[in-house]
Amino acid sequence: MDRATAIFVEGMGAASATSGVLTQLQGRIFGFLYLQPGSVSLDEITTELGQSKGNVSTNIRGLVDWHLVRRVSVAGSRKDHYQAASDFWRVMQEIMERRFRWNIRQVIATCDETQRAAVEGARPARRASREDEFVGERLEALRSFAAAVDEGIGAFAQGNSITPETLKRVPIRSTKKGKR
């Protein structure tokens, strides 16, 4: 591969390694395919990247799952050929929806479960202590923030615009009596 392609391939590998979504090799594979004008066979990818066929094949499946790469048919060839995605809005919608939204919803569920446990553990005759109030406020603040981010990811996935002002308008659900 030429020097410019090699720089891009290594840069995409480095960026992917810290993304929490892709491995370094997946980033390198995507970077290589992205700069190719057409589809490339699995054999060509392994040769250009200096990796084993099994390693590239395993990593390419992950890229296909994330919709970053697609398998294409080439007339007259029995080999697997691949091409990089170029619709980054669609790719990011997929990543945001599948990866980050799931994490945000885990935070929301954890806050809700913790709040329920705190309420169930409180004795009826006992008034809430300052510590109880502090914990409740912290849980509500985190839950509200996570709900706003979840709303933003949903808007992004649907192609709607997102601004900090619209996220701040997400209703804050309170677990305190009488507040909604």
C-alpha atoms as a PDB file:
ATOM      1  CA  MET A   1       0.000   0.000   0.000  1.00  0.00           C
ATOM      2  CA  ASP A   2       1.170   3.536  -0.611  1.00  0.00           C
ATOM      3  CA  ARG A   3       2.377   5.855   2.142  1.00  0.00           C
ATOM      4  CA  ALA A   4      -0.824   7.958   2.319  1.00  0.00           C
ATOM      5  CA  THR A   5      -3.009   4.853   2.633  1.00  0.00           C
ATOM      6  CA  ALA A   6      -0.680   3.425   5.289  1.00  0.00           C
ATOM      7  CA  ILE A   7      -0.931   6.646   7.337  1.00  0.00           C
ATOM      8  CA  PHE A   8      -4.736   6.553   7.131  1.00  0.00           C
ATOM      9  CA  VAL A   9      -4.908   2.837   7.968  1.00  0.00           C
ATOM     10  CA  GLU A  10      -2.705   3.236  11.048  1.00  0.00           C
ATOM     11  CA  GLY A  11      -4.555   6.369  12.172  1.00  0.00           C
ATOM     12  CA  MET A  12      -7.930   4.653  11.899  1.00  0.00           C
ATOM     13  CA  GLY A  13      -6.512   1.683  13.818  1.00  0.00           C
ATOM     14  CA  ALA A  14      -5.276   3.949  16.615  1.00  0.00           C
ATOM     15  CA  ALA A  15      -8.599   5.804  16.810  1.00  0.00           C
ATOM     16  CA  SER A  16     -10.547   2.543  16.889  1.00  0.00           C
ATOM     17  CA  ALA A  17      -8.369   1.030  19.601  1.00  0.00           C
ATOM     18  CA  THR A  18      -9.522   3.721  22.040  1.00  0.00           C
ATOM     19  CA  SER A  19     -13.138   3.912  20.843  1.00  0.00           C
ATOM     20  CA  GLY A  20     -14.559   1.153  23.000  1.00  0.00           C
ATOM     21  CA  VAL A  21     -16.471   0.017  19.926  1.00  0.00           C
ATOM     22  CA  LEU A  22     -13.903  -1.391  17.497  1.00  0.00           C
ATOM     23  CA  THR A  23     -10.558  -3.125  17.798  1.00  0.00           C
ATOM     24  CA  GLN A  24      -7.388  -1.692  16.330  1.00  0.00           C
ATOM     25  CA  LEU A  25      -7.428  -4.261  13.521  1.00  0.00           C
ATOM     26  CA  GLN A  26     -11.059  -3.465  12.714  1.00  0.00           C
ATOM     27  CA  GLY A  27     -10.097   0.188  12.388  1.00  0.00           C
ATOM     28  CA  ARG A  28      -7.195  -0.714  10.134  1.00  0.00           C
ATOM     29  CA  ILE A  29      -9.403  -2.923   7.951  1.00  0.00           C
ATOM     30  CA  PHE A  30     -12.044  -0.211   7.676  1.00  0.00           C
ATOM     31  CA  GLY A  31      -9.395   2.429   6.889  1.00  0.00           C
ATOM     32  CA  PHE A  32      -7.916   0.281   4.149  1.00  0.00           C
ATOM     33  CA  LEU A  33     -11.297  -0.529   2.583  1.00  0.00           C
ATOM     34  CA  TYR A  34     -12.507   3.065   2.836  1.00  0.00           C
ATOM     35  CA  LEU A  35      -9.720   4.313   0.574  1.00  0.00           C
ATOM     36  CA  GLN A  36     -10.324   1.632  -2.077  1.00  0.00           C
ATOM     37  CA  PRO A  37     -12.387   2.646  -5.119  1.00  0.00           C
ATOM     38  CA  GLY A  38     -14.106  -0.744  -5.305  1.00  0.00           C
ATOM     39  CA  SER A  39     -14.511  -3.960  -3.384  1.00  0.00           C
ATOM     40  CA  VAL A  40     -11.462  -5.869  -2.154  1.00  0.00           C
ATOM     41  CA  SER A  41     -11.072  -9.607  -1.610  1.00  0.00           C
ATOM     42  CA  LEU A  42     -10.345 -11.036   1.817  1.00  0.00           C
ATOM     43  CA  ASP A  43      -7.037 -12.347   0.444  1.00  0.00           C
ATOM     44  CA  GLU A  44      -6.001  -8.850  -0.689  1.00  0.00           C
ATOM     45  CA  ILE A  45      -6.890  -7.384   2.706  1.00  0.00           C
ATOM     46  CA  THR A  46      -4.793  -9.987   4.553  1.00  0.00           C
ATOM     47  CA  THR A  47      -1.828  -9.370   2.246  1.00  0.00           C
ATOM     48  CA  GLU A  48      -1.998  -5.565   2.507  1.00  0.00           C
ATOM     49  CA  LEU A  49      -2.383  -5.565   6.294  1.00  0.00           C
ATOM     50  CA  GLY A  50       0.032  -8.428   6.969  1.00  0.00           C
ATOM     51  CA  GLN A  51      -2.520 -10.391   9.004  1.00  0.00           C
ATOM     52  CA  SER A  52      -3.729 -13.984   8.924  1.00  0.00           C
ATOM     53  CA  LYS A  53      -6.839 -14.789   6.941  1.00  0.00           C
ATOM     54  CA  GLY A  54      -8.607 -16.092  10.067  1.00  0.00           C
ATOM     55  CA  ASN A  55      -7.833 -12.930  12.035  1.00  0.00           C
ATOM     56  CA  VAL A  56      -9.063 -10.643   9.267  1.00  0.00           C
ATOM     57  CA  SER A  57     -12.146 -12.793   8.669  1.00  0.00           C
ATOM     58  CA  THR A  58     -13.091 -12.693  12.363  1.00  0.00           C
ATOM     59  CA  ASN A  59     -12.603  -8.931  12.592  1.00  0.00           C
ATOM     60  CA  ILE A  60     -14.428  -8.215   9.352  1.00  0.00           C
ATOM     61  CA  ARG A  61     -17.520  -9.980  10.718  1.00  0.00           C
ATOM     62  CA  GLY A  62     -17.610  -7.410  13.514  1.00  0.00           C
ATOM     63  CA  LEU A  63     -17.381  -4.602  10.957  1.00  0.00           C
ATOM     64  CA  VAL A  64     -20.239  -6.147   8.992  1.00  0.00           C
ATOM     65  CA  ASP A  65     -22.296  -6.351  12.223  1.00  0.00           C
ATOM     66  CA  TRP A  66     -21.705  -2.614  12.818  1.00  0.00           C
ATOM     67  CA  HIS A  67     -22.638  -1.855   9.181  1.00  0.00           C
ATOM     68  CA  LEU A  68     -19.202  -0.331   8.600  1.00  0.00           C
ATOM     69  CA  VAL A  69     -18.345  -2.902   5.937  1.00  0.00           C
ATOM     70  CA  ARG A  70     -20.507  -4.950   3.629  1.00  0.00           C
ATOM     71  CA  ARG A  71     -19.862  -8.140   1.713  1.00  0.00           C
ATOM     72  CA  VAL A  72     -20.305  -7.744  -2.032  1.00  0.00           C
ATOM     73  CA  SER A  73     -20.578 -10.266  -4.827  1.00  0.00           C
ATOM     74  CA  VAL A  74     -18.126 -10.057  -7.689  1.00  0.00           C
ATOM     75  CA  ALA A  75     -19.150 -11.759 -10.920  1.00  0.00           C
ATOM     76  CA  GLY A  76     -16.888 -14.681 -11.766  1.00  0.00           C
ATOM     77  CA  SER A  77     -15.220 -14.807  -8.341  1.00  0.00           C
ATOM     78  CA  ARG A  78     -15.837 -17.294  -5.570  1.00  0.00           C
ATOM     79  CA  LYS A  79     -13.842 -15.222  -3.079  1.00  0.00           C
ATOM     80  CA  ASP A  80     -15.358 -12.985  -0.423  1.00  0.00           C
ATOM     81  CA  HIS A  81     -15.121  -9.295  -1.322  1.00  0.00           C
ATOM     82  CA  TYR A  82     -15.775  -6.333   0.967  1.00  0.00           C
ATOM     83  CA  GLN A  83     -16.468  -2.641   0.675  1.00  0.00           C
ATOM     84  CA  ALA A  84     -16.467   0.106   3.334  1.00  0.00           C
ATOM     85  CA  ALA A  85     -19.619   2.015   4.184  1.00  0.00           C
ATOM     86  CA  SER A  86     -19.703   5.673   3.271  1.00  0.00           C
ATOM     87  CA  ASP A  87     -23.036   6.761   4.827  1.00  0.00           C
ATOM     88  CA  PHE A  88     -21.612   7.894   8.156  1.00  0.00           C
ATOM     89  CA  TRP A  89     -24.917   9.255   9.452  1.00  0.00           C
ATOM     90  CA  ARG A  90     -26.396   5.775   9.162  1.00  0.00           C
ATOM     91  CA  VAL A  91     -23.324   4.177  10.710  1.00  0.00           C
ATOM     92  CA  MET A  92     -23.319   6.584  13.671  1.00  0.00           C
ATOM     93  CA  GLN A  93     -27.056   6.118  14.167  1.00  0.00           C
ATOM     94  CA  GLU A  94     -26.426   2.391  14.426  1.00  0.00           C
ATOM     95  CA  ILE A  95     -23.526   2.802  16.852  1.00  0.00           C
ATOM     96  CA  MET A  96     -25.366   5.324  19.011  1.00  0.00           C
ATOM     97  CA  GLU A  97     -28.491   3.195  19.131  1.00  0.00           C
ATOM     98  CA  ARG A  98     -26.791  -0.157  19.732  1.00  0.00           C
ATOM     99  CA  ARG A  99     -23.885   0.832  21.920  1.00  0.00           C
ATOM    100  CA  PHE A 100     -24.364   4.071  23.798  1.00  0.00           C
ATOM    101  CA  ARG A 101     -28.129   4.035  24.237  1.00  0.00           C
ATOM    102  CA  TRP A 102     -27.926   0.618  25.842  1.00  0.00           C
ATOM    103  CA  ASN A 103     -25.324   1.938  28.315  1.00  0.00           C
ATOM    104  CA  ILE A 104     -27.413   5.005  29.128  1.00  0.00           C
ATOM    105  CA  ARG A 105     -30.476   2.859  29.737  1.00  0.00           C
ATOM    106  CA  GLN A 106     -28.438   0.717  32.136  1.00  0.00           C
ATOM    107  CA  VAL A 107     -27.634   3.877  34.135  1.00  0.00           C
ATOM    108  CA  ILE A 108     -31.332   4.821  34.231  1.00  0.00           C
ATOM    109  CA  ALA A 109     -32.347   1.330  35.341  1.00  0.00           C
ATOM    110  CA  THR A 110     -29.651   1.320  38.025  1.00  0.00           C
ATOM    111  CA  CYS A 111     -30.808   4.676  39.404  1.00  0.00           C
ATOM    112  CA  ASP A 112     -34.425   3.456  39.449  1.00  0.00           C
ATOM    113  CA  GLU A 113     -33.521   0.179  41.157  1.00  0.00           C
ATOM    114  CA  THR A 114     -31.349   1.938  43.737  1.00  0.00           C
ATOM    115  CA  GLN A 115     -34.126   4.425  44.496  1.00  0.00           C
ATOM    116  CA  ARG A 116     -36.669   1.605  44.913  1.00  0.00           C
ATOM    117  CA  ALA A 117     -34.293  -0.248  47.263  1.00  0.00           C
ATOM    118  CA  ALA A 118     -33.749   2.912  49.310  1.00  0.00           C
ATOM    119  CA  VAL A 119     -37.507   3.512  49.630  1.00  0.00           C
ATOM    120  CA  GLU A 120     -38.219  -0.128  50.527  1.00  0.00           C
ATOM    121  CA  GLY A 121     -35.408  -0.133  53.094  1.00  0.00           C
ATOM    122  CA  ALA A 122     -36.674   2.955  54.896  1.00  0.00           C
ATOM    123  CA  ARG A 123     -38.683   2.385  58.076  1.00  0.00           C
ATOM    124  CA  PRO A 124     -42.116   4.103  58.035  1.00  0.00           C
ATOM    125  CA  ALA A 125     -41.631   5.865  61.378  1.00  0.00           C
ATOM    126  CA  ARG A 126     -38.224   7.195  60.436  1.00  0.00           C
ATOM    127  CA  ARG A 127     -37.808  10.531  58.748  1.00  0.00           C
ATOM    128  CA  ALA A 128     -35.411  10.766  55.843  1.00  0.00           C
ATOM    129  CA  SER A 129     -31.949  11.693  57.004  1.00  0.00           C
ATOM    130  CA  ARG A 130     -29.750  14.242  55.265  1.00  0.00           C
ATOM    131  CA  GLU A 131     -27.763  11.356  53.850  1.00  0.00           C
ATOM    132  CA  ASP A 132     -30.940   9.770  52.436  1.00  0.00           C
ATOM    133  CA  GLU A 133     -31.924  13.081  50.877  1.00  0.00           C
ATOM    134  CA  PHE A 134     -28.435  13.577  49.464  1.00  0.00           C
ATOM    135  CA  VAL A 135     -28.422  10.118  47.875  1.00  0.00           C
ATOM    136  CA  GLY A 136     -31.937  10.653  46.484  1.00  0.00           C
ATOM    137  CA  GLU A 137     -30.941  13.981  44.938  1.00  0.00           C
ATOM    138  CA  ARG A 138     -27.801  12.488  43.434  1.00  0.00           C
ATOM    139  CA  LEU A 139     -29.722   9.567  41.937  1.00  0.00           C
ATOM    140  CA  GLU A 140     -32.355  11.906  40.499  1.00  0.00           C
ATOM    141  CA  ALA A 141     -29.722  14.212  38.999  1.00  0.00           C
ATOM    142  CA  LEU A 142     -27.918  11.337  37.297  1.00  0.00           C
ATOM    143  CA  ARG A 143     -31.162   9.752  36.141  1.00  0.00           C
ATOM    144  CA  SER A 144     -32.410  13.049  34.686  1.00  0.00           C
ATOM    145  CA  PHE A 145     -29.152  13.627  32.839  1.00  0.00           C
ATOM    146  CA  ALA A 146     -29.156  10.065  31.473  1.00  0.00           C
ATOM    147  CA  ALA A 147     -32.803  10.449  30.381  1.00  0.00           C
ATOM    148  CA  ALA A 148     -31.900  13.617  28.476  1.00  0.00           C
ATOM    149  CA  VAL A 149     -28.979  11.866  26.763  1.00  0.00           C
ATOM    150  CA  ASP A 150     -31.264   8.914  25.925  1.00  0.00           C
ATOM    151  CA  GLU A 151     -33.741  11.345  24.390  1.00  0.00           C
ATOM    152  CA  GLY A 152     -30.923  12.949  22.386  1.00  0.00           C
ATOM    153  CA  ILE A 153     -29.707   9.609  21.067  1.00  0.00           C
ATOM    154  CA  GLY A 154     -33.269   8.757  20.056  1.00  0.00           C
ATOM    155  CA  ALA A 155     -33.587  12.068  18.202  1.00  0.00           C
ATOM    156  CA  PHE A 156     -30.241  11.527  16.478  1.00  0.00           C
ATOM    157  CA  ALA A 157     -31.223   7.984  15.442  1.00  0.00           C
ATOM    158  CA  GLN A 158     -34.371   9.407  13.843  1.00  0.00           C
ATOM    159  CA  GLY A 159     -32.411  12.116  12.035  1.00  0.00           C
ATOM    160  CA  ASN A 160     -33.748  14.973  14.165  1.00  0.00           C
ATOM    161  CA  SER A 161     -31.592  17.857  15.319  1.00  0.00           C
ATOM    162  CA  ILE A 162     -30.307  17.937  18.865  1.00  0.00           C
ATOM    163  CA  THR A 163     -29.274  20.988  20.843  1.00  0.00           C
ATOM    164  CA  PRO A 164     -28.416  21.415  24.509  1.00  0.00           C
ATOM    165  CA  GLU A 165     -31.546  23.539  24.867  1.00  0.00           C
ATOM    166  CA  THR A 166     -33.825  20.759  23.609  1.00  0.00           C
ATOM    167  CA  LEU A 167     -32.151  18.239  25.917  1.00  0.00           C
ATOM    168  CA  LYS A 168     -32.653  20.519  28.919  1.00  0.00           C
ATOM    169  CA  ARG A 169     -36.395  20.496  28.175  1.00  0.00           C
ATOM    170  CA  VAL A 170     -36.663  16.735  28.692  1.00  0.00           C
ATOM    171  CA  PRO A 171     -39.115  16.274  31.567  1.00  0.00           C
ATOM    172  CA  ILE A 172     -37.441  15.380  34.812  1.00  0.00           C
ATOM    173  CA  ARG A 173     -39.211  12.521  36.457  1.00  0.00           C
ATOM    174  CA  SER A 174     -39.144  12.763  40.185  1.00  0.00           C
ATOM    175  CA  THR A 175     -39.565   9.852  42.528  1.00  0.00           C
ATOM    176  CA  LYS A 176     -40.630  12.205  45.331  1.00  0.00           C
ATOM    177  CA  LYS A 177     -44.323  12.198  46.229  1.00  0.00           C
ATOM    178  CA  GLY A 178     -46.378  14.861  44.544  1.00  0.00           C
ATOM    179  CA  LYS A 179     -43.732  15.748  41.943  1.00  0.00           C
ATOM    180  CA  ARG A 180     -43.842  14.678  38.342  1.00  0.00           C
END
